[in-house]
Structures are given as structure tokens and as C-alpha cells.
PDB file of N, CA and C in Angstrom:
ATOM      1  N   GLU A   1     -40.467  26.166  53.114  1.00  0.00           N
ATOM      2  CA  GLU A   1     -40.120  24.875  53.659  1.00  0.00           C
ATOM      3  C   GLU A   1     -40.462  23.808  52.635  1.00  0.00           C
ATOM      4  N   LEU A   2     -39.687  22.731  52.658  1.00  0.00           N
ATOM      5  CA  LEU A   2     -39.897  21.644  51.709  1.00  0.00           C
ATOM      6  C   LEU A   2     -41.181  20.901  52.044  1.00  0.00           C
ATOM      7  N   ASP A   3     -42.046  20.747  51.063  1.00  0.00           N
ATOM      8  CA  ASP A   3     -43.283  19.985  51.234  1.00  0.00           C
ATOM      9  C   ASP A   3     -43.005  18.518  50.939  1.00  0.00           C
ATOM     10  N   HIS A   4     -42.493  18.246  49.740  1.00  0.00           N
ATOM     11  CA  HIS A   4     -42.099  16.888  49.373  1.00  0.00           C
ATOM     12  C   HIS A   4     -41.252  16.949  48.108  1.00  0.00           C
ATOM     13  N   ASN A   5     -40.618  15.831  47.784  1.00  0.00           N
ATOM     14  CA  ASN A   5     -39.863  15.757  46.542  1.00  0.00           C
ATOM     15  C   ASN A   5     -40.223  14.468  45.824  1.00  0.00           C
ATOM     16  N   GLU A   6     -39.971  14.469  44.523  1.00  0.00           N
ATOM     17  CA  GLU A   6     -40.296  13.319  43.683  1.00  0.00           C
ATOM     18  C   GLU A   6     -39.099  13.022  42.795  1.00  0.00           C
ATOM     19  N   LEU A   7     -38.818  11.748  42.588  1.00  0.00           N
ATOM     20  CA  LEU A   7     -37.741  11.322  41.704  1.00  0.00           C
ATOM     21  C   LEU A   7     -38.278  10.245  40.785  1.00  0.00           C
ATOM     22  N   GLU A   8     -38.166  10.487  39.491  1.00  0.00           N
ATOM     23  CA  GLU A   8     -38.547   9.490  38.489  1.00  0.00           C
ATOM     24  C   GLU A   8     -37.290   9.128  37.718  1.00  0.00           C
ATOM     25  N   MET A   9     -36.974   7.837  37.658  1.00  0.00           N
ATOM     26  CA  MET A   9     -35.778   7.392  36.956  1.00  0.00           C
ATOM     27  C   MET A   9     -36.165   6.520  35.779  1.00  0.00           C
ATOM     28  N   SER A  10     -35.386   6.676  34.704  1.00  0.00           N
ATOM     29  CA  SER A  10     -35.577   5.860  33.516  1.00  0.00           C
ATOM     30  C   SER A  10     -34.199   5.609  32.918  1.00  0.00           C
ATOM     31  N   GLY A  11     -33.613   4.477  33.259  1.00  0.00           N
ATOM     32  CA  GLY A  11     -32.268   4.174  32.771  1.00  0.00           C
ATOM     33  C   GLY A  11     -31.250   5.137  33.350  1.00  0.00           C
ATOM     34  N   LYS A  12     -30.500   5.821  32.472  1.00  0.00           N
ATOM     35  CA  LYS A  12     -29.468   6.755  32.916  1.00  0.00           C
ATOM     36  C   LYS A  12     -29.993   8.178  33.076  1.00  0.00           C
ATOM     37  N   ARG A  13     -31.298   8.363  32.961  1.00  0.00           N
ATOM     38  CA  ARG A  13     -31.885   9.693  33.092  1.00  0.00           C
ATOM     39  C   ARG A  13     -32.883   9.728  34.235  1.00  0.00           C
ATOM     40  N   GLY A  14     -33.137  10.923  34.714  1.00  0.00           N
ATOM     41  CA  GLY A  14     -34.097  11.067  35.792  1.00  0.00           C
ATOM     42  C   GLY A  14     -34.657  12.475  35.830  1.00  0.00           C
ATOM     43  N   ALA A  15     -35.743  12.630  36.546  1.00  0.00           N
ATOM     44  CA  ALA A  15     -36.365  13.938  36.746  1.00  0.00           C
ATOM     45  C   ALA A  15     -36.656  14.088  38.231  1.00  0.00           C
ATOM     46  N   VAL A  16     -36.284  15.243  38.781  1.00  0.00           N
ATOM     47  CA  VAL A  16     -36.514  15.542  40.188  1.00  0.00           C
ATOM     48  C   VAL A  16     -37.451  16.734  40.273  1.00  0.00           C
ATOM     49  N   ARG A  17     -38.413  16.652  41.168  1.00  0.00           N
ATOM     50  CA  ARG A  17     -39.288  17.785  41.453  1.00  0.00           C
ATOM     51  C   ARG A  17     -39.276  18.016  42.959  1.00  0.00           C
ATOM     52  N   MET A  18     -38.954  19.239  43.353  1.00  0.00           N
ATOM     53  CA  MET A  18     -39.020  19.620  44.760  1.00  0.00           C
ATOM     54  C   MET A  18     -40.190  20.586  44.907  1.00  0.00           C
ATOM     55  N   VAL A  19     -41.119  20.235  45.754  1.00  0.00           N
ATOM     56  CA  VAL A  19     -42.307  21.055  45.987  1.00  0.00           C
ATOM     57  C   VAL A  19     -42.143  21.703  47.361  1.00  0.00           C
ATOM     58  N   PHE A  20     -42.345  23.012  47.419  1.00  0.00           N
ATOM     59  CA  PHE A  20     -42.105  23.722  48.673  1.00  0.00           C
ATOM     60  C   PHE A  20     -43.193  24.750  48.934  1.00  0.00           C
ATOM     61  N   ASN A  21     -43.258  25.181  50.185  1.00  0.00           N
ATOM     62  CA  ASN A  21     -44.231  26.178  50.623  1.00  0.00           C
ATOM     63  C   ASN A  21     -43.494  27.401  51.143  1.00  0.00           C
ATOM     64  N   PHE A  22     -44.051  28.565  50.881  1.00  0.00           N
ATOM     65  CA  PHE A  22     -43.578  29.796  51.499  1.00  0.00           C
ATOM     66  C   PHE A  22     -44.436  30.003  52.745  1.00  0.00           C
ATOM     67  N   VAL A  23     -43.779  30.074  53.898  1.00  0.00           N
ATOM     68  CA  VAL A  23     -44.497  30.147  55.165  1.00  0.00           C
ATOM     69  C   VAL A  23     -44.123  31.444  55.880  1.00  0.00           C
ATOM     70  N   GLU A  24     -45.138  32.137  56.371  1.00  0.00           N
ATOM     71  CA  GLU A  24     -44.914  33.342  57.169  1.00  0.00           C
ATOM     72  C   GLU A  24     -45.794  33.257  58.404  1.00  0.00           C
ATOM     73  N   ASN A  25     -45.166  33.388  59.561  1.00  0.00           N
ATOM     74  CA  ASN A  25     -45.882  33.304  60.842  1.00  0.00           C
ATOM     75  C   ASN A  25     -46.704  32.022  60.949  1.00  0.00           C
ATOM     76  N   GLY A  26     -46.134  30.918  60.457  1.00  0.00           N
ATOM     77  CA  GLY A  26     -46.802  29.631  60.558  1.00  0.00           C
ATOM     78  C   GLY A  26     -47.903  29.391  59.542  1.00  0.00           C
ATOM     79  N   GLU A  27     -48.133  30.330  58.631  1.00  0.00           N
ATOM     80  CA  GLU A  27     -49.200  30.200  57.639  1.00  0.00           C
ATOM     81  C   GLU A  27     -48.596  30.114  56.241  1.00  0.00           C
ATOM     82  N   ILE A  28     -49.099  29.193  55.430  1.00  0.00           N
ATOM     83  CA  ILE A  28     -48.629  29.068  54.048  1.00  0.00           C
ATOM     84  C   ILE A  28     -49.156  30.252  53.252  1.00  0.00           C
ATOM     85  N   VAL A  29     -48.222  31.032  52.679  1.00  0.00           N
ATOM     86  CA  VAL A  29     -48.609  32.206  51.899  1.00  0.00           C
ATOM     87  C   VAL A  29     -48.318  32.019  50.413  1.00  0.00           C
ATOM     88  N   GLY A  30     -47.713  30.899  50.058  1.00  0.00           N
ATOM     89  CA  GLY A  30     -47.433  30.619  48.656  1.00  0.00           C
ATOM     90  C   GLY A  30     -46.855  29.230  48.499  1.00  0.00           C
ATOM     91  N   ARG A  31     -46.847  28.759  47.264  1.00  0.00           N
ATOM     92  CA  ARG A  31     -46.302  27.437  46.956  1.00  0.00           C
ATOM     93  C   ARG A  31     -45.420  27.560  45.725  1.00  0.00           C
ATOM     94  N   GLY A  32     -44.489  26.636  45.600  1.00  0.00           N
ATOM     95  CA  GLY A  32     -43.627  26.643  44.429  1.00  0.00           C
ATOM     96  C   GLY A  32     -43.080  25.259  44.169  1.00  0.00           C
ATOM     97  N   ARG A  33     -42.423  25.116  43.032  1.00  0.00           N
ATOM     98  CA  ARG A  33     -41.760  23.849  42.732  1.00  0.00           C
ATOM     99  C   ARG A  33     -40.570  24.119  41.831  1.00  0.00           C
ATOM    100  N   LYS A  34     -39.577  23.278  41.958  1.00  0.00           N
ATOM    101  CA  LYS A  34     -38.369  23.358  41.154  1.00  0.00           C
ATOM    102  C   LYS A  34     -38.193  22.004  40.491  1.00  0.00           C
ATOM    103  N   SER A  35     -38.014  22.005  39.179  1.00  0.00           N
ATOM    104  CA  SER A  35     -37.810  20.765  38.432  1.00  0.00           C
ATOM    105  C   SER A  35     -36.397  20.738  37.883  1.00  0.00           C
ATOM    106  N   MET A  36     -35.770  19.576  37.939  1.00  0.00           N
ATOM    107  CA  MET A  36     -34.417  19.400  37.415  1.00  0.00           C
ATOM    108  C   MET A  36     -34.343  18.081  36.660  1.00  0.00           C
ATOM    109  N   LEU A  37     -33.567  18.071  35.594  1.00  0.00           N
ATOM    110  CA  LEU A  37     -33.317  16.844  34.850  1.00  0.00           C
ATOM    111  C   LEU A  37     -31.946  16.313  35.218  1.00  0.00           C
ATOM    112  N   LEU A  38     -31.839  15.009  35.343  1.00  0.00           N
ATOM    113  CA  LEU A  38     -30.579  14.352  35.663  1.00  0.00           C
ATOM    114  C   LEU A  38     -30.179  13.478  34.488  1.00  0.00           C
ATOM    115  N   SER A  39     -28.880  13.404  34.231  1.00  0.00           N
ATOM    116  CA  SER A  39     -28.416  12.507  33.174  1.00  0.00           C
ATOM    117  C   SER A  39     -27.116  11.852  33.617  1.00  0.00           C
ATOM    118  N   GLY A  40     -26.770  10.776  32.973  1.00  0.00           N
ATOM    119  CA  GLY A  40     -25.546  10.059  33.300  1.00  0.00           C
ATOM    120  C   GLY A  40     -25.623   9.309  34.618  1.00  0.00           C
ATOM    121  N   LEU A  41     -26.832   8.941  35.048  1.00  0.00           N
ATOM    122  CA  LEU A  41     -26.978   8.211  36.306  1.00  0.00           C
ATOM    123  C   LEU A  41     -26.352   6.829  36.186  1.00  0.00           C
ATOM    124  N   ARG A  42     -25.827   6.346  37.293  1.00  0.00           N
ATOM    125  CA  ARG A  42     -25.246   5.005  37.309  1.00  0.00           C
ATOM    126  C   ARG A  42     -25.473   4.361  38.665  1.00  0.00           C
ATOM    127  N   GLU A  43     -25.141   3.107  38.765  1.00  0.00           N
ATOM    128  CA  GLU A  43     -25.314   2.373  40.011  1.00  0.00           C
ATOM    129  C   GLU A  43     -24.484   3.012  41.122  1.00  0.00           C
ATOM    130  N   TYR A  44     -24.989   2.961  42.351  1.00  0.00           N
ATOM    131  CA  TYR A  44     -24.285   3.496  43.507  1.00  0.00           C
ATOM    132  C   TYR A  44     -23.058   2.638  43.787  1.00  0.00           C
ATOM    133  N   ASP A  45     -21.903   3.295  43.995  1.00  0.00           N
ATOM    134  CA  ASP A  45     -20.643   2.601  44.251  1.00  0.00           C
ATOM    135  C   ASP A  45     -20.075   3.113  45.574  1.00  0.00           C
ATOM    136  N   GLN A  46     -20.205   2.306  46.634  1.00  0.00           N
ATOM    137  CA  GLN A  46     -19.791   2.742  47.971  1.00  0.00           C
ATOM    138  C   GLN A  46     -18.313   3.104  48.031  1.00  0.00           C
ATOM    139  N   SER A  47     -17.443   2.333  47.381  1.00  0.00           N
ATOM    140  CA  SER A  47     -16.010   2.635  47.451  1.00  0.00           C
ATOM    141  C   SER A  47     -15.692   3.962  46.764  1.00  0.00           C
ATOM    142  N   ALA A  48     -16.359   4.263  45.662  1.00  0.00           N
ATOM    143  CA  ALA A  48     -16.154   5.552  44.993  1.00  0.00           C
ATOM    144  C   ALA A  48     -16.634   6.696  45.884  1.00  0.00           C
ATOM    145  N   MET A  49     -17.757   6.501  46.577  1.00  0.00           N
ATOM    146  CA  MET A  49     -18.264   7.537  47.480  1.00  0.00           C
ATOM    147  C   MET A  49     -17.330   7.734  48.666  1.00  0.00           C
ATOM    148  N   ASP A  50     -16.789   6.644  49.216  1.00  0.00           N
ATOM    149  CA  ASP A  50     -15.846   6.755  50.330  1.00  0.00           C
ATOM    150  C   ASP A  50     -14.615   7.556  49.911  1.00  0.00           C
ATOM    151  N   GLU A  51     -14.135   7.315  48.699  1.00  0.00           N
ATOM    152  CA  GLU A  51     -12.969   8.044  48.189  1.00  0.00           C
ATOM    153  C   GLU A  51     -13.288   9.527  48.011  1.00  0.00           C
ATOM    154  N   MET A  52     -14.460   9.829  47.483  1.00  0.00           N
ATOM    155  CA  MET A  52     -14.852  11.225  47.285  1.00  0.00           C
ATOM    156  C   MET A  52     -14.978  11.949  48.627  1.00  0.00           C
ATOM    157  N   VAL A  53     -15.564  11.298  49.620  1.00  0.00           N
ATOM    158  CA  VAL A  53     -15.709  11.901  50.946  1.00  0.00           C
ATOM    159  C   VAL A  53     -14.334  12.132  51.572  1.00  0.00           C
ATOM    160  N   ALA A  54     -13.432  11.177  51.426  1.00  0.00           N
ATOM    161  CA  ALA A  54     -12.077  11.329  51.971  1.00  0.00           C
ATOM    162  C   ALA A  54     -11.362  12.508  51.318  1.00  0.00           C
ATOM    163  N   ARG A  55     -11.504  12.665  49.992  1.00  0.00           N
ATOM    164  CA  ARG A  55     -10.881  13.808  49.298  1.00  0.00           C
ATOM    165  C   ARG A  55     -11.486  15.125  49.772  1.00  0.00           C
ATOM    166  N   TYR A  56     -12.792  15.144  49.978  1.00  0.00           N
ATOM    167  CA  TYR A  56     -13.458  16.355  50.461  1.00  0.00           C
ATOM    168  C   TYR A  56     -12.914  16.758  51.829  1.00  0.00           C
ATOM    169  N   TYR A  57     -12.858  15.797  52.763  1.00  0.00           N
ATOM    170  CA  TYR A  57     -12.376  16.122  54.107  1.00  0.00           C
ATOM    171  C   TYR A  57     -10.907  16.517  54.099  1.00  0.00           C
ATOM    172  N   ALA A  58     -10.102  15.919  53.232  1.00  0.00           N
ATOM    173  CA  ALA A  58      -8.693  16.304  53.130  1.00  0.00           C
ATOM    174  C   ALA A  58      -8.578  17.746  52.641  1.00  0.00           C
ATOM    175  N   ALA A  59      -9.371  18.115  51.639  1.00  0.00           N
ATOM    176  CA  ALA A  59      -9.346  19.488  51.126  1.00  0.00           C
ATOM    177  C   ALA A  59      -9.859  20.462  52.189  1.00  0.00           C
ATOM    178  N   LYS A  60     -10.893  20.077  52.916  1.00  0.00           N
ATOM    179  CA  LYS A  60     -11.440  20.930  53.975  1.00  0.00           C
ATOM    180  C   LYS A  60     -10.406  21.141  55.073  1.00  0.00           C
ATOM    181  N   ASP A  61      -9.750  20.058  55.504  1.00  0.00           N
ATOM    182  CA  ASP A  61      -8.727  20.167  56.547  1.00  0.00           C
ATOM    183  C   ASP A  61      -7.568  21.048  56.092  1.00  0.00           C
ATOM    184  N   ALA A  62      -7.154  20.899  54.827  1.00  0.00           N
ATOM    185  CA  ALA A  62      -6.061  21.720  54.297  1.00  0.00           C
ATOM    186  C   ALA A  62      -6.464  23.193  54.290  1.00  0.00           C
ATOM    187  N   TYR A  63      -7.688  23.479  53.918  1.00  0.00           N
ATOM    188  CA  TYR A  63      -8.176  24.859  53.884  1.00  0.00           C
ATOM    189  C   TYR A  63      -8.227  25.458  55.289  1.00  0.00           C
ATOM    190  N   LEU A  64      -8.739  24.694  56.246  1.00  0.00           N
ATOM    191  CA  LEU A  64      -8.890  25.203  57.607  1.00  0.00           C
ATOM    192  C   LEU A  64      -7.559  25.343  58.340  1.00  0.00           C
ATOM    193  N   SER A  65      -6.531  24.633  57.886  1.00  0.00           N
ATOM    194  CA  SER A  65      -5.232  24.703  58.565  1.00  0.00           C
ATOM    195  C   SER A  65      -4.386  25.879  58.083  1.00  0.00           C
ATOM    196  N   THR A  66      -4.864  26.633  57.095  1.00  0.00           N
ATOM    197  CA  THR A  66      -4.088  27.786  56.601  1.00  0.00           C
ATOM    198  C   THR A  66      -4.450  29.047  57.331  1.00  0.00           C
TER     199      THR A  66
END
């Protein structure tokens, strides 16, 4: 299960760390983390996201209708 995540940004680059626990019968039996580097970050653009979501749903609908 996810314990927490961290995001550090510096200009167009960033680093993400996801920290998680391995749980069995409600008891933590191990811990882990995954680190990823991000590049090419830019400002959030709502209209671009709306277009991407619309294309996704159109492709999904086309797939499900076959």
C-alpha cells in the first residue's frame, strides 16, 4: 500500500519518490520505494488536457463499439 509520495520540481525537471509498504494480514512486513525522474515539465494547460481526455474517450468508445 502507498505510504506517501514526494515531488521535487526544479524548472522543467522533477523527481518523484513513491514510498510504499508491503502489508500481510494488516501487518507491515516490508517497505520499498520507487524513484522516477521527470523532464520536459511545463505549465498546466486545461484546454490541452480537455482535448486529450476527449480523444481518449473517443478512442475508448470506438474500441468498445466493435
